[in-house]
Amino acid sequence: MEPLKNIFERQDSARDKMMNTDKKNQTGSAYIKFEIDDHLFATEISKIREVVDSWKLTVYPELCHGHLGIVNIRGQILPVINPFNHSVTQTAPLPGERLIILEGPSKDGFCVVVKQVQKVVLDSENPDQNSTVNINGRPVKIVTEPDLYEYFGVQ
């Protein structure tokens, strides 16, 4: 089994490479596009702390609107948010699901269960807040910093 230190270094290297890929050839801004319950979103790549492939969700003892539960990511307990899904049917990822850790209001962060994570470069340097853009023929909601936490239900 590979030591955790090597795994973390490889993950950091991959994230740095993804953020710096072809910067000199890009004319727009880098975003991460993802899907939540058939809704497509994109947010600035700098707002994504990490993308996790494997996790175990601990559900809350009582239903809490928009909150699925919590996860432990290397000793840090983070809330898992989904504004469209009010019931939890699984505690581990389904095939194709990933967990995105987004920066929180106090840099603590929060998580969202997503599908189809993809890096995209938008032609516009600064898309309007709450705008919708066409990416590969599908409407994608741009979620920017001022509404990121509110939009995903983080109080």
Protein backbone atom coordinates (compact mmCIF):
# COMPACT_ATOMS: atom_id res chain seq x y z
CA MET A 1 0.00 0.00 0.00
CA GLU A 2 1.31 3.42 -0.97
CA PRO A 3 2.14 5.73 1.97
CA LEU A 4 -0.38 8.53 2.51
CA LYS A 5 2.32 11.17 2.12
CA ASN A 6 2.92 10.03 -1.48
CA ILE A 7 -0.80 10.03 -2.23
CA PHE A 8 -1.20 13.58 -0.87
CA GLU A 9 1.84 14.80 -2.81
CA ARG A 10 0.50 13.26 -6.02
CA GLN A 11 -2.92 14.83 -5.39
CA ASP A 12 -1.38 18.27 -4.73
CA SER A 13 0.72 17.96 -7.88
CA ALA A 14 -2.32 17.01 -9.99
CA ARG A 15 -4.32 19.95 -8.57
CA ASP A 16 -1.47 22.39 -9.27
CA LYS A 17 -1.11 21.03 -12.79
CA MET A 18 -4.85 21.36 -13.43
CA MET A 19 -4.86 24.96 -12.21
CA ASN A 20 -1.83 25.94 -14.30
CA THR A 21 -2.56 24.00 -17.51
CA ASP A 22 -1.97 26.10 -20.61
CA LYS A 23 -2.30 29.43 -18.78
CA LYS A 24 -0.45 31.20 -21.55
CA ASN A 25 -2.88 29.83 -24.18
CA GLN A 26 -6.03 30.70 -22.25
CA THR A 27 -7.90 33.87 -23.03
CA GLY A 28 -10.61 33.43 -20.39
CA SER A 29 -11.04 32.32 -16.80
CA ALA A 30 -10.74 28.74 -15.51
CA TYR A 31 -13.84 27.25 -13.89
CA ILE A 32 -14.89 23.87 -12.59
CA LYS A 33 -18.19 22.64 -14.03
CA PHE A 34 -20.19 20.08 -12.06
CA GLU A 35 -23.66 18.57 -11.88
CA ILE A 36 -25.95 18.36 -8.84
CA ASP A 37 -29.23 16.48 -9.37
CA ASP A 38 -29.41 17.32 -13.12
CA HIS A 39 -28.53 20.99 -12.50
CA LEU A 40 -25.23 22.21 -14.01
CA PHE A 41 -23.05 24.74 -12.21
CA ALA A 42 -19.61 26.26 -12.64
CA THR A 43 -17.50 28.13 -10.11
CA GLU A 44 -14.04 29.65 -10.19
CA ILE A 45 -11.36 27.01 -9.88
CA SER A 46 -9.81 28.96 -7.00
CA LYS A 47 -12.97 28.33 -4.90
CA ILE A 48 -12.49 24.54 -5.12
CA ARG A 49 -10.27 23.25 -2.36
CA GLU A 50 -10.35 19.59 -3.38
CA VAL A 51 -12.22 16.91 -5.32
CA VAL A 52 -12.59 13.65 -3.38
CA ASP A 53 -13.42 10.32 -5.05
CA SER A 54 -14.08 8.24 -1.93
CA TRP A 55 -15.75 9.20 1.35
CA LYS A 56 -18.18 8.00 4.00
CA LEU A 57 -21.10 10.21 4.91
CA THR A 58 -22.38 10.38 8.48
CA VAL A 59 -26.02 11.47 8.36
CA TYR A 60 -27.54 13.83 10.90
CA PRO A 61 -29.92 12.24 13.42
CA GLU A 62 -32.66 14.63 12.26
CA LEU A 63 -33.42 15.97 8.79
CA CYS A 64 -31.95 19.39 8.15
CA HIS A 65 -33.06 21.19 4.96
CA GLY A 66 -30.31 21.06 2.35
CA HIS A 67 -27.80 19.33 4.62
CA LEU A 68 -27.06 15.66 4.01
CA GLY A 69 -24.65 15.11 6.91
CA ILE A 70 -20.93 15.39 7.59
CA VAL A 71 -17.72 13.80 6.32
CA ASN A 72 -14.31 13.41 7.90
CA ILE A 73 -11.62 14.39 5.40
CA ARG A 74 -8.20 13.72 6.96
CA GLY A 75 -9.43 14.73 10.41
CA GLN A 76 -11.41 17.78 9.32
CA ILE A 77 -15.18 17.49 9.83
CA LEU A 78 -17.09 19.22 7.01
CA PRO A 79 -20.82 19.60 6.29
CA VAL A 80 -22.20 18.04 3.10
CA ILE A 81 -24.77 20.23 1.35
CA ASN A 82 -27.34 19.46 -1.35
CA PRO A 83 -30.10 22.05 -1.76
CA PHE A 84 -32.06 19.78 -4.13
CA ASN A 85 -32.04 16.51 -2.16
CA HIS A 86 -33.74 16.38 1.22
CA SER A 87 -33.34 12.67 1.96
CA VAL A 88 -30.24 10.53 2.22
CA THR A 89 -30.34 7.08 0.69
CA GLN A 90 -26.64 6.20 0.70
CA THR A 91 -23.60 6.99 2.83
CA ALA A 92 -20.95 6.21 0.21
CA PRO A 93 -20.55 7.56 -3.32
CA LEU A 94 -22.45 6.00 -6.20
CA PRO A 95 -20.52 5.33 -9.43
CA GLY A 96 -19.57 8.64 -11.00
CA GLU A 97 -20.17 10.71 -7.87
CA ARG A 98 -17.49 12.87 -6.31
CA LEU A 99 -17.31 15.20 -3.37
CA ILE A 100 -16.20 18.78 -4.05
CA ILE A 101 -14.84 20.72 -1.09
CA LEU A 102 -15.57 24.42 -1.57
CA GLU A 103 -14.13 27.28 0.42
CA GLY A 104 -16.51 28.39 3.17
CA PRO A 105 -17.20 31.87 4.54
CA SER A 106 -14.56 31.41 7.23
CA LYS A 107 -12.31 29.16 5.06
CA ASP A 108 -13.62 26.11 6.94
CA GLY A 109 -15.17 24.78 3.78
CA PHE A 110 -18.21 22.71 2.94
CA CYS A 111 -18.86 19.80 0.59
CA VAL A 112 -21.24 19.13 -2.26
CA VAL A 113 -21.91 15.70 -3.83
CA VAL A 114 -21.57 16.13 -7.61
CA LYS A 115 -21.29 14.30 -10.91
CA GLN A 116 -19.34 15.08 -14.08
CA VAL A 117 -16.58 17.31 -12.72
CA GLN A 118 -14.81 19.09 -15.57
CA LYS A 119 -12.46 22.03 -15.98
CA VAL A 120 -13.71 24.63 -18.47
CA VAL A 121 -12.35 27.93 -19.69
CA LEU A 122 -14.91 30.65 -20.27
CA ASP A 123 -14.28 33.29 -22.92
CA SER A 124 -15.39 36.08 -20.62
CA GLU A 125 -12.86 37.14 -17.99
CA ASN A 126 -15.56 37.90 -15.40
CA PRO A 127 -18.98 36.41 -16.12
CA ASP A 128 -21.86 38.21 -14.46
CA GLN A 129 -22.99 36.95 -11.08
CA ASN A 130 -25.90 34.54 -11.35
CA SER A 131 -25.47 34.36 -15.11
CA THR A 132 -26.12 31.28 -17.20
CA VAL A 133 -23.73 30.34 -19.99
CA ASN A 134 -23.87 27.77 -22.76
CA ILE A 135 -21.23 25.05 -22.34
CA ASN A 136 -21.38 22.19 -24.85
CA GLY A 137 -24.98 23.02 -25.71
CA ARG A 138 -26.23 22.90 -22.11
CA PRO A 139 -27.08 25.82 -19.79
CA VAL A 140 -24.65 26.14 -16.89
CA LYS A 141 -25.29 28.44 -13.91
CA ILE A 142 -22.23 30.46 -12.90
CA VAL A 143 -22.03 30.50 -9.10
CA THR A 144 -19.74 33.30 -7.95
CA GLU A 145 -18.34 34.16 -4.53
CA PRO A 146 -21.08 36.54 -3.31
CA ASP A 147 -23.79 33.91 -3.74
CA LEU A 148 -21.80 30.67 -3.41
CA TYR A 149 -22.55 29.93 0.24
CA GLU A 150 -26.10 31.26 0.17
CA TYR A 151 -26.94 29.40 -3.03
CA PHE A 152 -25.87 26.05 -1.63
CA GLY A 153 -27.65 26.64 1.66
CA VAL A 154 -24.70 27.36 3.95
CA GLN A 155 -25.81 29.56 6.82
